[in-house]
Amino acid sequence: MPESINQRTSGDSKSFHEHLDEMRGVAEETLRYAKTIHQFTPKDAVERIQELRQLLEDNLNYTKACYALLERWRRWMFWHRVWGAVKFLLIVVPLVVGVIYLPPLIQSYVQEYLKLLPPLR
């Protein structure tokens, strides 16, 4: 039963030679990849050490650039928060001051105005 589920082993769809050609193609492609990888790998320890040193230097430079960018973002976020707090205070402080000081002022003006009006019967 498992052979009828797996089309690669069923034998109904491809012949043995077709499977063999497919496997040969996969093997050739794997060999090409292995040759390409081998071509770019250093041949001796000195070359490997130099390549690793160069990679570490590149990594250090990249990390420094990322850190500088991160510091710029932190500075921007700090000033953004400060400006947000200033805007909040510019809106809230006058409202609070108005709520505290305006009712007595308005009440005195209303009393003066009511004195000017004729009495209601």
Protein backbone atom coordinates (compact mmCIF):
# COMPACT_ATOMS: atom_id res chain seq x y z
CA MET A 1 0.00 0.00 0.00
CA PRO A 2 2.73 2.61 0.76
CA GLU A 3 4.20 1.97 -2.72
CA SER A 4 0.95 3.02 -4.38
CA ILE A 5 0.92 6.31 -2.39
CA ASN A 6 4.51 7.32 -3.21
CA GLN A 7 4.71 8.01 -6.93
CA ARG A 8 8.51 7.76 -6.97
CA THR A 9 8.42 4.12 -5.89
CA SER A 10 5.22 3.03 -7.59
CA GLY A 11 6.78 2.42 -10.98
CA ASP A 12 3.60 3.45 -12.78
CA SER A 13 4.64 6.98 -13.67
CA LYS A 14 8.37 6.63 -14.55
CA SER A 15 10.59 3.87 -15.71
CA PHE A 16 13.79 2.81 -13.98
CA HIS A 17 15.91 4.65 -16.56
CA GLU A 18 13.95 7.87 -16.04
CA HIS A 19 14.50 7.63 -12.29
CA LEU A 20 18.16 6.93 -12.93
CA ASP A 21 18.46 9.99 -15.20
CA GLU A 22 16.74 12.14 -12.59
CA MET A 23 19.13 10.93 -9.87
CA ARG A 24 22.10 11.51 -12.19
CA GLY A 25 20.91 15.12 -12.75
CA VAL A 26 20.59 15.68 -9.01
CA ALA A 27 24.07 14.25 -8.44
CA GLU A 28 25.57 16.48 -11.16
CA GLU A 29 23.90 19.56 -9.71
CA THR A 30 25.19 18.68 -6.22
CA LEU A 31 28.68 18.23 -7.64
CA ARG A 32 28.48 21.66 -9.35
CA TYR A 33 27.47 23.27 -6.05
CA ALA A 34 30.29 21.48 -4.22
CA LYS A 35 32.85 22.66 -6.82
CA THR A 36 31.57 26.23 -6.56
CA ILE A 37 31.80 26.18 -2.77
CA HIS A 38 35.28 24.60 -2.92
CA GLN A 39 36.42 27.24 -5.39
CA PHE A 40 35.63 30.05 -2.94
CA THR A 41 37.01 28.42 0.20
CA PRO A 42 40.57 29.32 1.24
CA LYS A 43 43.15 26.66 0.60
CA ASP A 44 45.37 26.95 3.69
CA ALA A 45 45.19 28.12 7.29
CA VAL A 46 46.85 31.49 6.62
CA GLU A 47 44.23 32.40 4.02
CA ARG A 48 41.46 31.23 6.38
CA ILE A 49 42.81 33.38 9.20
CA GLN A 50 43.10 36.41 6.91
CA GLU A 51 39.57 35.89 5.63
CA LEU A 52 38.22 35.50 9.18
CA ARG A 53 40.10 38.64 10.26
CA GLN A 54 38.60 40.55 7.32
CA LEU A 55 35.12 39.25 8.15
CA LEU A 56 35.55 40.28 11.79
CA GLU A 57 36.68 43.77 10.76
CA ASP A 58 33.72 44.10 8.40
CA ASN A 59 31.43 42.91 11.17
CA LEU A 60 32.94 45.45 13.60
CA ASN A 61 32.48 48.28 11.10
CA TYR A 62 28.91 47.24 10.45
CA THR A 63 28.22 47.05 14.19
CA LYS A 64 29.67 50.54 14.70
CA ALA A 65 27.45 51.90 11.92
CA CYS A 66 24.40 50.22 13.47
CA TYR A 67 25.30 51.62 16.89
CA ALA A 68 25.66 55.15 15.46
CA LEU A 69 22.27 54.82 13.79
CA LEU A 70 20.78 53.50 17.02
CA GLU A 71 22.17 56.46 18.94
CA ARG A 72 20.61 58.85 16.43
CA TRP A 73 17.26 57.10 16.91
CA ARG A 74 17.57 57.26 20.69
CA ARG A 75 18.35 60.98 20.55
CA TRP A 76 15.42 61.56 18.20
CA MET A 77 13.09 59.58 20.51
CA PHE A 78 14.29 61.53 23.55
CA TRP A 79 13.62 64.90 21.93
CA HIS A 80 10.30 63.61 20.58
CA ARG A 81 9.24 62.70 24.12
CA VAL A 82 10.41 66.06 25.46
CA TRP A 83 8.49 67.93 22.76
CA GLY A 84 5.41 65.81 23.45
CA ALA A 85 5.59 66.68 27.15
CA VAL A 86 6.00 70.39 26.31
CA LYS A 87 2.97 70.28 24.01
CA PHE A 88 0.97 68.50 26.71
CA LEU A 89 1.94 71.13 29.28
CA LEU A 90 1.13 73.96 26.86
CA ILE A 91 -2.41 72.59 26.58
CA VAL A 92 -3.09 71.35 30.12
CA VAL A 93 -1.53 74.14 32.21
CA PRO A 94 -3.71 76.94 30.78
CA LEU A 95 -6.80 74.76 31.22
CA VAL A 96 -5.98 74.01 34.86
CA VAL A 97 -5.15 77.65 35.57
CA GLY A 98 -8.42 78.66 33.92
CA VAL A 99 -10.44 76.20 35.98
CA ILE A 100 -8.82 77.45 39.19
CA TYR A 101 -8.84 81.23 38.64
CA LEU A 102 -11.72 81.92 36.24
CA PRO A 103 -14.77 80.96 38.37
CA PRO A 104 -14.19 83.67 41.02
CA LEU A 105 -13.47 86.26 38.30
CA ILE A 106 -16.52 85.30 36.30
CA GLN A 107 -18.65 85.27 39.45
CA SER A 108 -17.60 88.84 40.35
CA TYR A 109 -18.35 90.04 36.81
CA VAL A 110 -21.75 88.31 36.85
CA GLN A 111 -22.62 89.99 40.16
CA GLU A 112 -21.67 93.42 38.76
CA TYR A 113 -23.77 92.74 35.64
CA LEU A 114 -26.75 91.62 37.73
CA LYS A 115 -26.57 94.88 39.68
CA LEU A 116 -27.02 96.77 36.40
CA LEU A 117 -30.10 94.79 35.37
CA PRO A 118 -33.54 95.73 36.69
CA PRO A 119 -34.88 93.28 39.27
CA LEU A 120 -37.07 90.49 37.92
CA ARG A 121 -40.65 90.17 39.31
